[in-house]
Structures are given as structure tokens and as C-alpha cells.
mmCIF file of all heavy atoms, coordinates in Angstrom:
data_MODEL
# 
_entry.id   MODEL 
# 
loop_
_atom_site.group_PDB 
_atom_site.id 
_atom_site.type_symbol 
_atom_site.label_atom_id 
_atom_site.label_alt_id 
_atom_site.label_comp_id 
_atom_site.label_asym_id 
_atom_site.label_entity_id 
_atom_site.label_seq_id 
_atom_site.pdbx_PDB_ins_code 
_atom_site.Cartn_x 
_atom_site.Cartn_y 
_atom_site.Cartn_z 
_atom_site.occupancy 
_atom_site.B_iso_or_equiv 
_atom_site.pdbx_formal_charge 
_atom_site.auth_seq_id 
_atom_site.auth_comp_id 
_atom_site.auth_asym_id 
_atom_site.auth_atom_id 
_atom_site.pdbx_PDB_model_num 
ATOM 1   N N   . ARG A 1 1  ? -26.511 -203.170 -152.698 1.00 0.00 ? 1  ARG A N   1 
ATOM 2   C CA  . ARG A 1 1  ? -25.977 -204.492 -152.984 1.00 0.00 ? 1  ARG A CA  1 
ATOM 3   C C   . ARG A 1 1  ? -26.745 -205.517 -152.156 1.00 0.00 ? 1  ARG A C   1 
ATOM 4   O O   . ARG A 1 1  ? -27.402 -205.138 -151.188 1.00 0.00 ? 1  ARG A O   1 
ATOM 5   C CB  . ARG A 1 1  ? -24.519 -204.531 -152.621 1.00 0.00 ? 1  ARG A CB  1 
ATOM 6   C CG  . ARG A 1 1  ? -24.207 -204.275 -151.131 1.00 0.00 ? 1  ARG A CG  1 
ATOM 7   C CD  . ARG A 1 1  ? -22.723 -204.222 -150.858 1.00 0.00 ? 1  ARG A CD  1 
ATOM 8   N NE  . ARG A 1 1  ? -22.455 -204.105 -149.419 1.00 0.00 ? 1  ARG A NE  1 
ATOM 9   C CZ  . ARG A 1 1  ? -22.443 -202.927 -148.762 1.00 0.00 ? 1  ARG A CZ  1 
ATOM 10  N NH1 . ARG A 1 1  ? -22.703 -201.872 -149.415 1.00 0.00 ? 1  ARG A NH1 1 
ATOM 11  N NH2 . ARG A 1 1  ? -22.235 -202.969 -147.496 1.00 0.00 ? 1  ARG A NH2 1 
ATOM 12  N N   . PRO A 1 2  ? -26.739 -206.766 -152.554 1.00 0.00 ? 2  PRO A N   1 
ATOM 13  C CA  . PRO A 1 2  ? -27.506 -207.785 -151.745 1.00 0.00 ? 2  PRO A CA  1 
ATOM 14  C C   . PRO A 1 2  ? -27.079 -207.765 -150.305 1.00 0.00 ? 2  PRO A C   1 
ATOM 15  O O   . PRO A 1 2  ? -25.932 -207.830 -149.988 1.00 0.00 ? 2  PRO A O   1 
ATOM 16  C CB  . PRO A 1 2  ? -27.141 -209.097 -152.472 1.00 0.00 ? 2  PRO A CB  1 
ATOM 17  C CG  . PRO A 1 2  ? -26.773 -208.699 -153.887 1.00 0.00 ? 2  PRO A CG  1 
ATOM 18  C CD  . PRO A 1 2  ? -26.062 -207.356 -153.729 1.00 0.00 ? 2  PRO A CD  1 
ATOM 19  N N   . GLY A 1 3  ? -28.101 -207.707 -149.503 1.00 0.00 ? 3  GLY A N   1 
ATOM 20  C CA  . GLY A 1 3  ? -27.862 -207.717 -148.034 1.00 0.00 ? 3  GLY A CA  1 
ATOM 21  C C   . GLY A 1 3  ? -27.492 -206.371 -147.418 1.00 0.00 ? 3  GLY A C   1 
ATOM 22  O O   . GLY A 1 3  ? -27.297 -206.252 -146.235 1.00 0.00 ? 3  GLY A O   1 
ATOM 23  N N   . ALA A 1 4  ? -27.447 -205.335 -148.310 1.00 0.00 ? 4  ALA A N   1 
ATOM 24  C CA  . ALA A 1 4  ? -27.078 -204.054 -147.756 1.00 0.00 ? 4  ALA A CA  1 
ATOM 25  C C   . ALA A 1 4  ? -28.230 -203.499 -147.013 1.00 0.00 ? 4  ALA A C   1 
ATOM 26  O O   . ALA A 1 4  ? -29.375 -203.546 -147.398 1.00 0.00 ? 4  ALA A O   1 
ATOM 27  C CB  . ALA A 1 4  ? -26.678 -203.020 -148.861 1.00 0.00 ? 4  ALA A CB  1 
ATOM 28  N N   . GLY A 1 5  ? -28.000 -202.917 -145.821 1.00 0.00 ? 5  GLY A N   1 
ATOM 29  C CA  . GLY A 1 5  ? -29.031 -202.327 -145.006 1.00 0.00 ? 5  GLY A CA  1 
ATOM 30  C C   . GLY A 1 5  ? -28.784 -200.893 -144.857 1.00 0.00 ? 5  GLY A C   1 
ATOM 31  O O   . GLY A 1 5  ? -27.923 -200.267 -145.436 1.00 0.00 ? 5  GLY A O   1 
ATOM 32  N N   . PRO A 1 6  ? -29.523 -200.250 -143.914 1.00 0.00 ? 6  PRO A N   1 
ATOM 33  C CA  . PRO A 1 6  ? -29.330 -198.849 -143.627 1.00 0.00 ? 6  PRO A CA  1 
ATOM 34  C C   . PRO A 1 6  ? -27.953 -198.559 -142.987 1.00 0.00 ? 6  PRO A C   1 
ATOM 35  O O   . PRO A 1 6  ? -27.331 -199.527 -142.458 1.00 0.00 ? 6  PRO A O   1 
ATOM 36  C CB  . PRO A 1 6  ? -30.444 -198.489 -142.710 1.00 0.00 ? 6  PRO A CB  1 
ATOM 37  C CG  . PRO A 1 6  ? -30.824 -199.778 -142.061 1.00 0.00 ? 6  PRO A CG  1 
ATOM 38  C CD  . PRO A 1 6  ? -30.595 -200.789 -143.091 1.00 0.00 ? 6  PRO A CD  1 
ATOM 39  N N   . SER A 1 7  ? -27.529 -197.324 -143.092 1.00 0.00 ? 7  SER A N   1 
ATOM 40  C CA  . SER A 1 7  ? -26.198 -197.026 -142.486 1.00 0.00 ? 7  SER A CA  1 
ATOM 41  C C   . SER A 1 7  ? -26.237 -197.281 -140.983 1.00 0.00 ? 7  SER A C   1 
ATOM 42  O O   . SER A 1 7  ? -27.222 -197.133 -140.310 1.00 0.00 ? 7  SER A O   1 
ATOM 43  C CB  . SER A 1 7  ? -25.891 -195.545 -142.746 1.00 0.00 ? 7  SER A CB  1 
ATOM 44  O OG  . SER A 1 7  ? -26.915 -194.747 -142.197 1.00 0.00 ? 7  SER A OG  1 
ATOM 45  N N   . ARG A 1 8  ? -25.056 -197.617 -140.432 1.00 0.00 ? 8  ARG A N   1 
ATOM 46  C CA  . ARG A 1 8  ? -24.980 -197.946 -139.069 1.00 0.00 ? 8  ARG A CA  1 
ATOM 47  C C   . ARG A 1 8  ? -24.686 -196.668 -138.246 1.00 0.00 ? 8  ARG A C   1 
ATOM 48  O O   . ARG A 1 8  ? -23.809 -195.899 -138.646 1.00 0.00 ? 8  ARG A O   1 
ATOM 49  C CB  . ARG A 1 8  ? -23.795 -198.953 -138.857 1.00 0.00 ? 8  ARG A CB  1 
ATOM 50  C CG  . ARG A 1 8  ? -24.084 -200.317 -139.477 1.00 0.00 ? 8  ARG A CG  1 
ATOM 51  C CD  . ARG A 1 8  ? -22.805 -201.122 -139.655 1.00 0.00 ? 8  ARG A CD  1 
ATOM 52  N NE  . ARG A 1 8  ? -22.189 -201.412 -138.329 1.00 0.00 ? 8  ARG A NE  1 
ATOM 53  C CZ  . ARG A 1 8  ? -22.488 -202.547 -137.662 1.00 0.00 ? 8  ARG A CZ  1 
ATOM 54  N NH1 . ARG A 1 8  ? -23.415 -203.386 -138.100 1.00 0.00 ? 8  ARG A NH1 1 
ATOM 55  N NH2 . ARG A 1 8  ? -21.882 -202.801 -136.467 1.00 0.00 ? 8  ARG A NH2 1 
ATOM 56  N N   . GLY A 1 9  ? -25.355 -196.572 -137.144 1.00 0.00 ? 9  GLY A N   1 
ATOM 57  C CA  . GLY A 1 9  ? -25.173 -195.420 -136.224 1.00 0.00 ? 9  GLY A CA  1 
ATOM 58  C C   . GLY A 1 9  ? -24.205 -195.848 -135.125 1.00 0.00 ? 9  GLY A C   1 
ATOM 59  O O   . GLY A 1 9  ? -23.649 -196.892 -135.050 1.00 0.00 ? 9  GLY A O   1 
ATOM 60  N N   . ARG A 1 10 ? -24.112 -194.908 -134.115 1.00 0.00 ? 10 ARG A N   1 
ATOM 61  C CA  . ARG A 1 10 ? -23.195 -195.196 -132.956 1.00 0.00 ? 10 ARG A CA  1 
ATOM 62  C C   . ARG A 1 10 ? -23.654 -196.363 -132.186 1.00 0.00 ? 10 ARG A C   1 
ATOM 63  O O   . ARG A 1 10 ? -22.828 -197.176 -131.773 1.00 0.00 ? 10 ARG A O   1 
ATOM 64  C CB  . ARG A 1 10 ? -23.152 -193.925 -132.085 1.00 0.00 ? 10 ARG A CB  1 
ATOM 65  C CG  . ARG A 1 10 ? -22.438 -192.741 -132.644 1.00 0.00 ? 10 ARG A CG  1 
ATOM 66  C CD  . ARG A 1 10 ? -22.313 -191.660 -131.633 1.00 0.00 ? 10 ARG A CD  1 
ATOM 67  N NE  . ARG A 1 10 ? -21.554 -192.065 -130.487 1.00 0.00 ? 10 ARG A NE  1 
ATOM 68  C CZ  . ARG A 1 10 ? -21.431 -191.337 -129.345 1.00 0.00 ? 10 ARG A CZ  1 
ATOM 69  N NH1 . ARG A 1 10 ? -22.017 -190.153 -129.318 1.00 0.00 ? 10 ARG A NH1 1 
ATOM 70  N NH2 . ARG A 1 10 ? -20.716 -191.794 -128.381 1.00 0.00 ? 10 ARG A NH2 1 
ATOM 71  N N   . GLY A 1 11 ? -24.957 -196.553 -132.001 1.00 0.00 ? 11 GLY A N   1 
ATOM 72  C CA  . GLY A 1 11 ? -25.465 -197.674 -131.295 1.00 0.00 ? 11 GLY A CA  1 
ATOM 73  C C   . GLY A 1 11 ? -25.121 -199.019 -131.977 1.00 0.00 ? 11 GLY A C   1 
ATOM 74  O O   . GLY A 1 11 ? -24.757 -200.033 -131.371 1.00 0.00 ? 11 GLY A O   1 
ATOM 75  N N   . ASP A 1 12 ? -25.162 -199.005 -133.331 1.00 0.00 ? 12 ASP A N   1 
ATOM 76  C CA  . ASP A 1 12 ? -24.782 -200.229 -134.086 1.00 0.00 ? 12 ASP A CA  1 
ATOM 77  C C   . ASP A 1 12 ? -23.373 -200.541 -133.883 1.00 0.00 ? 12 ASP A C   1 
ATOM 78  O O   . ASP A 1 12 ? -22.982 -201.710 -133.813 1.00 0.00 ? 12 ASP A O   1 
ATOM 79  C CB  . ASP A 1 12 ? -25.183 -200.054 -135.508 1.00 0.00 ? 12 ASP A CB  1 
ATOM 80  C CG  . ASP A 1 12 ? -26.646 -199.782 -135.794 1.00 0.00 ? 12 ASP A CG  1 
ATOM 81  O OD1 . ASP A 1 12 ? -27.441 -200.442 -135.082 1.00 0.00 ? 12 ASP A OD1 1 
ATOM 82  O OD2 . ASP A 1 12 ? -26.976 -198.955 -136.605 1.00 0.00 ? 12 ASP A OD2 1 
ATOM 83  N N   . ARG A 1 13 ? -22.538 -199.491 -133.948 1.00 0.00 ? 13 ARG A N   1 
ATOM 84  C CA  . ARG A 1 13 ? -21.114 -199.779 -133.818 1.00 0.00 ? 13 ARG A CA  1 
ATOM 85  C C   . ARG A 1 13 ? -20.775 -200.326 -132.420 1.00 0.00 ? 13 ARG A C   1 
ATOM 86  O O   . ARG A 1 13 ? -19.871 -201.191 -132.232 1.00 0.00 ? 13 ARG A O   1 
ATOM 87  C CB  . ARG A 1 13 ? -20.297 -198.468 -134.057 1.00 0.00 ? 13 ARG A CB  1 
ATOM 88  C CG  . ARG A 1 13 ? -20.325 -197.993 -135.493 1.00 0.00 ? 13 ARG A CG  1 
ATOM 89  C CD  . ARG A 1 13 ? -19.241 -196.965 -135.743 1.00 0.00 ? 13 ARG A CD  1 
ATOM 90  N NE  . ARG A 1 13 ? -19.496 -195.740 -134.991 1.00 0.00 ? 13 ARG A NE  1 
ATOM 91  C CZ  . ARG A 1 13 ? -20.237 -194.777 -135.514 1.00 0.00 ? 13 ARG A CZ  1 
ATOM 92  N NH1 . ARG A 1 13 ? -20.783 -194.840 -136.660 1.00 0.00 ? 13 ARG A NH1 1 
ATOM 93  N NH2 . ARG A 1 13 ? -20.401 -193.661 -134.738 1.00 0.00 ? 13 ARG A NH2 1 
ATOM 94  N N   . ARG A 1 14 ? -21.457 -199.836 -131.363 1.00 0.00 ? 14 ARG A N   1 
ATOM 95  C CA  . ARG A 1 14 ? -21.218 -200.373 -129.984 1.00 0.00 ? 14 ARG A CA  1 
ATOM 96  C C   . ARG A 1 14 ? -21.604 -201.804 -129.945 1.00 0.00 ? 14 ARG A C   1 
ATOM 97  O O   . ARG A 1 14 ? -20.892 -202.636 -129.356 1.00 0.00 ? 14 ARG A O   1 
ATOM 98  C CB  . ARG A 1 14 ? -21.972 -199.560 -128.998 1.00 0.00 ? 14 ARG A CB  1 
ATOM 99  C CG  . ARG A 1 14 ? -21.484 -198.150 -128.800 1.00 0.00 ? 14 ARG A CG  1 
ATOM 100 C CD  . ARG A 1 14 ? -22.309 -197.410 -127.739 1.00 0.00 ? 14 ARG A CD  1 
ATOM 101 N NE  . ARG A 1 14 ? -21.874 -196.027 -127.566 1.00 0.00 ? 14 ARG A NE  1 
ATOM 102 C CZ  . ARG A 1 14 ? -20.825 -195.706 -126.834 1.00 0.00 ? 14 ARG A CZ  1 
ATOM 103 N NH1 . ARG A 1 14 ? -20.196 -196.644 -126.110 1.00 0.00 ? 14 ARG A NH1 1 
ATOM 104 N NH2 . ARG A 1 14 ? -20.472 -194.468 -126.680 1.00 0.00 ? 14 ARG A NH2 1 
ATOM 105 N N   . ASP A 1 15 ? -22.736 -202.204 -130.521 1.00 0.00 ? 15 ASP A N   1 
ATOM 106 C CA  . ASP A 1 15 ? -23.143 -203.635 -130.544 1.00 0.00 ? 15 ASP A CA  1 
ATOM 107 C C   . ASP A 1 15 ? -22.170 -204.474 -131.273 1.00 0.00 ? 15 ASP A C   1 
ATOM 108 O O   . ASP A 1 15 ? -21.825 -205.600 -130.823 1.00 0.00 ? 15 ASP A O   1 
ATOM 109 C CB  . ASP A 1 15 ? -24.495 -203.725 -131.175 1.00 0.00 ? 15 ASP A CB  1 
ATOM 110 C CG  . ASP A 1 15 ? -25.641 -203.066 -130.386 1.00 0.00 ? 15 ASP A CG  1 
ATOM 111 O OD1 . ASP A 1 15 ? -25.356 -202.901 -129.181 1.00 0.00 ? 15 ASP A OD1 1 
ATOM 112 O OD2 . ASP A 1 15 ? -26.673 -202.743 -130.925 1.00 0.00 ? 15 ASP A OD2 1 
ATOM 113 N N   . GLY A 1 16 ? -21.658 -203.978 -132.378 1.00 0.00 ? 16 GLY A N   1 
ATOM 114 C CA  . GLY A 1 16 ? -20.620 -204.749 -133.173 1.00 0.00 ? 16 GLY A CA  1 
ATOM 115 C C   . GLY A 1 16 ? -19.356 -204.897 -132.333 1.00 0.00 ? 16 GLY A C   1 
ATOM 116 O O   . GLY A 1 16 ? -18.690 -205.958 -132.395 1.00 0.00 ? 16 GLY A O   1 
ATOM 117 N N   . ASP A 1 17 ? -18.941 -203.877 -131.645 1.00 0.00 ? 17 ASP A N   1 
ATOM 118 C CA  . ASP A 1 17 ? -17.767 -203.969 -130.759 1.00 0.00 ? 17 ASP A CA  1 
ATOM 119 C C   . ASP A 1 17 ? -17.904 -205.049 -129.721 1.00 0.00 ? 17 ASP A C   1 
ATOM 120 O O   . ASP A 1 17 ? -17.005 -205.839 -129.417 1.00 0.00 ? 17 ASP A O   1 
ATOM 121 C CB  . ASP A 1 17 ? -17.410 -202.656 -130.112 1.00 0.00 ? 17 ASP A CB  1 
ATOM 122 C CG  . ASP A 1 17 ? -16.952 -201.632 -131.162 1.00 0.00 ? 17 ASP A CG  1 
ATOM 123 O OD1 . ASP A 1 17 ? -16.396 -202.009 -132.151 1.00 0.00 ? 17 ASP A OD1 1 
ATOM 124 O OD2 . ASP A 1 17 ? -17.084 -200.355 -130.863 1.00 0.00 ? 17 ASP A OD2 1 
ATOM 125 N N   . ARG A 1 18 ? -19.096 -205.086 -129.099 1.00 0.00 ? 18 ARG A N   1 
ATOM 126 C CA  . ARG A 1 18 ? -19.319 -206.085 -128.017 1.00 0.00 ? 18 ARG A CA  1 
ATOM 127 C C   . ARG A 1 18 ? -19.296 -207.463 -128.573 1.00 0.00 ? 18 ARG A C   1 
ATOM 128 O O   . ARG A 1 18 ? -18.761 -208.368 -128.000 1.00 0.00 ? 18 ARG A O   1 
ATOM 129 C CB  . ARG A 1 18 ? -20.687 -205.786 -127.304 1.00 0.00 ? 18 ARG A CB  1 
ATOM 130 C CG  . ARG A 1 18 ? -20.520 -204.687 -126.258 1.00 0.00 ? 18 ARG A CG  1 
ATOM 131 C CD  . ARG A 1 18 ? -21.759 -204.638 -125.380 1.00 0.00 ? 18 ARG A CD  1 
ATOM 132 N NE  . ARG A 1 18 ? -22.955 -204.095 -126.113 1.00 0.00 ? 18 ARG A NE  1 
ATOM 133 C CZ  . ARG A 1 18 ? -23.178 -202.786 -126.090 1.00 0.00 ? 18 ARG A CZ  1 
ATOM 134 N NH1 . ARG A 1 18 ? -22.475 -201.955 -125.395 1.00 0.00 ? 18 ARG A NH1 1 
ATOM 135 N NH2 . ARG A 1 18 ? -24.272 -202.301 -126.739 1.00 0.00 ? 18 ARG A NH2 1 
ATOM 136 N N   . ARG A 1 19 ? -19.932 -207.633 -129.772 1.00 0.00 ? 19 ARG A N   1 
ATOM 137 C CA  . ARG A 1 19 ? -19.966 -209.012 -130.392 1.00 0.00 ? 19 ARG A CA  1 
ATOM 138 C C   . ARG A 1 19 ? -18.509 -209.441 -130.744 1.00 0.00 ? 19 ARG A C   1 
ATOM 139 O O   . ARG A 1 19 ? -18.226 -210.597 -130.709 1.00 0.00 ? 19 ARG A O   1 
ATOM 140 C CB  . ARG A 1 19 ? -20.860 -209.004 -131.563 1.00 0.00 ? 19 ARG A CB  1 
ATOM 141 C CG  . ARG A 1 19 ? -22.369 -209.006 -131.181 1.00 0.00 ? 19 ARG A CG  1 
ATOM 142 C CD  . ARG A 1 19 ? -23.196 -209.380 -132.422 1.00 0.00 ? 19 ARG A CD  1 
ATOM 143 N NE  . ARG A 1 19 ? -23.069 -208.362 -133.494 1.00 0.00 ? 19 ARG A NE  1 
ATOM 144 C CZ  . ARG A 1 19 ? -23.859 -207.273 -133.575 1.00 0.00 ? 19 ARG A CZ  1 
ATOM 145 N NH1 . ARG A 1 19 ? -24.860 -207.105 -132.739 1.00 0.00 ? 19 ARG A NH1 1 
ATOM 146 N NH2 . ARG A 1 19 ? -23.708 -206.442 -134.608 1.00 0.00 ? 19 ARG A NH2 1 
ATOM 147 N N   . ALA A 1 20 ? -17.700 -208.474 -131.199 1.00 0.00 ? 20 ALA A N   1 
ATOM 148 C CA  . ALA A 1 20 ? -16.327 -208.855 -131.623 1.00 0.00 ? 20 ALA A CA  1 
ATOM 149 C C   . ALA A 1 20 ? -15.378 -208.926 -130.465 1.00 0.00 ? 20 ALA A C   1 
ATOM 150 O O   . ALA A 1 20 ? -14.169 -209.235 -130.652 1.00 0.00 ? 20 ALA A O   1 
ATOM 151 C CB  . ALA A 1 20 ? -15.840 -207.784 -132.632 1.00 0.00 ? 20 ALA A CB  1 
ATOM 152 N N   . GLY A 1 21 ? -15.799 -208.648 -129.209 1.00 0.00 ? 21 GLY A N   1 
ATOM 153 C CA  . GLY A 1 21 ? -14.896 -208.735 -128.072 1.00 0.00 ? 21 GLY A CA  1 
ATOM 154 C C   . GLY A 1 21 ? -14.073 -207.543 -127.816 1.00 0.00 ? 21 GLY A C   1 
ATOM 155 O O   . GLY A 1 21 ? -13.130 -207.577 -127.023 1.00 0.00 ? 21 GLY A O   1 
ATOM 156 N N   . ARG A 1 22 ? -14.373 -206.447 -128.587 1.00 0.00 ? 22 ARG A N   1 
ATOM 157 C CA  . ARG A 1 22 ? -13.605 -205.230 -128.429 1.00 0.00 ? 22 ARG A CA  1 
ATOM 158 C C   . ARG A 1 22 ? -14.323 -204.358 -127.388 1.00 0.00 ? 22 ARG A C   1 
ATOM 159 O O   . ARG A 1 22 ? -15.531 -204.346 -127.322 1.00 0.00 ? 22 ARG A O   1 
ATOM 160 C CB  . ARG A 1 22 ? -13.472 -204.435 -129.760 1.00 0.00 ? 22 ARG A CB  1 
ATOM 161 C CG  . ARG A 1 22 ? -12.750 -205.190 -130.807 1.00 0.00 ? 22 ARG A CG  1 
ATOM 162 C CD  . ARG A 1 22 ? -12.506 -204.265 -131.999 1.00 0.00 ? 22 ARG A CD  1 
ATOM 163 N NE  . ARG A 1 22 ? -13.750 -203.826 -132.584 1.00 0.00 ? 22 ARG A NE  1 
ATOM 164 C CZ  . ARG A 1 22 ? -14.321 -204.465 -133.650 1.00 0.00 ? 22 ARG A CZ  1 
ATOM 165 N NH1 . ARG A 1 22 ? -13.755 -205.583 -134.127 1.00 0.00 ? 22 ARG A NH1 1 
ATOM 166 N NH2 . ARG A 1 22 ? -15.497 -204.058 -134.117 1.00 0.00 ? 22 ARG A NH2 1 
ATOM 167 N N   . PRO A 1 23 ? -13.497 -203.582 -126.596 1.00 0.00 ? 23 PRO A N   1 
ATOM 168 C CA  . PRO A 1 23 ? -14.152 -202.699 -125.631 1.00 0.00 ? 23 PRO A CA  1 
ATOM 169 C C   . PRO A 1 23 ? -14.846 -201.608 -126.389 1.00 0.00 ? 23 PRO A C   1 
ATOM 170 O O   . PRO A 1 23 ? -14.298 -201.047 -127.392 1.00 0.00 ? 23 PRO A O   1 
ATOM 171 C CB  . PRO A 1 23 ? -12.978 -202.173 -124.788 1.00 0.00 ? 23 PRO A CB  1 
ATOM 172 C CG  . PRO A 1 23 ? -11.754 -202.327 -125.704 1.00 0.00 ? 23 PRO A CG  1 
ATOM 173 C CD  . PRO A 1 23 ? -12.031 -203.530 -126.515 1.00 0.00 ? 23 PRO A CD  1 
ATOM 174 N N   . PRO A 1 24 ? -16.073 -201.237 -125.960 1.00 0.00 ? 24 PRO A N   1 
ATOM 175 C CA  . PRO A 1 24 ? -16.715 -200.158 -126.663 1.00 0.00 ? 24 PRO A CA  1 
ATOM 176 C C   . PRO A 1 24 ? -16.051 -198.818 -126.381 1.00 0.00 ? 24 PRO A C   1 
ATOM 177 O O   . PRO A 1 24 ? -15.361 -198.664 -125.392 1.00 0.00 ? 24 PRO A O   1 
ATOM 178 C CB  . PRO A 1 24 ? -18.123 -200.139 -126.009 1.00 0.00 ? 24 PRO A CB  1 
ATOM 179 C CG  . PRO A 1 24 ? -17.922 -200.773 -124.637 1.00 0.00 ? 24 PRO A CG  1 
ATOM 180 C CD  . PRO A 1 24 ? -16.788 -201.719 -124.842 1.00 0.00 ? 24 PRO A CD  1 
# 
């Protein structure tokens, strides 16, 4: 789909948690 990228790994999820203010 437009804007779809490769699947997110554990490192990607940690970065997303930090950006969202959630504890990793």
C-alpha cells in the first residue's frame, strides 16, 4: 500500500515507544 515499508523489528518498536512517550 502507499507508504508501506518493511516489517518493523524489535528495534523499530522501541523507537516508536520512545517517540510515543511509552516506557520501552
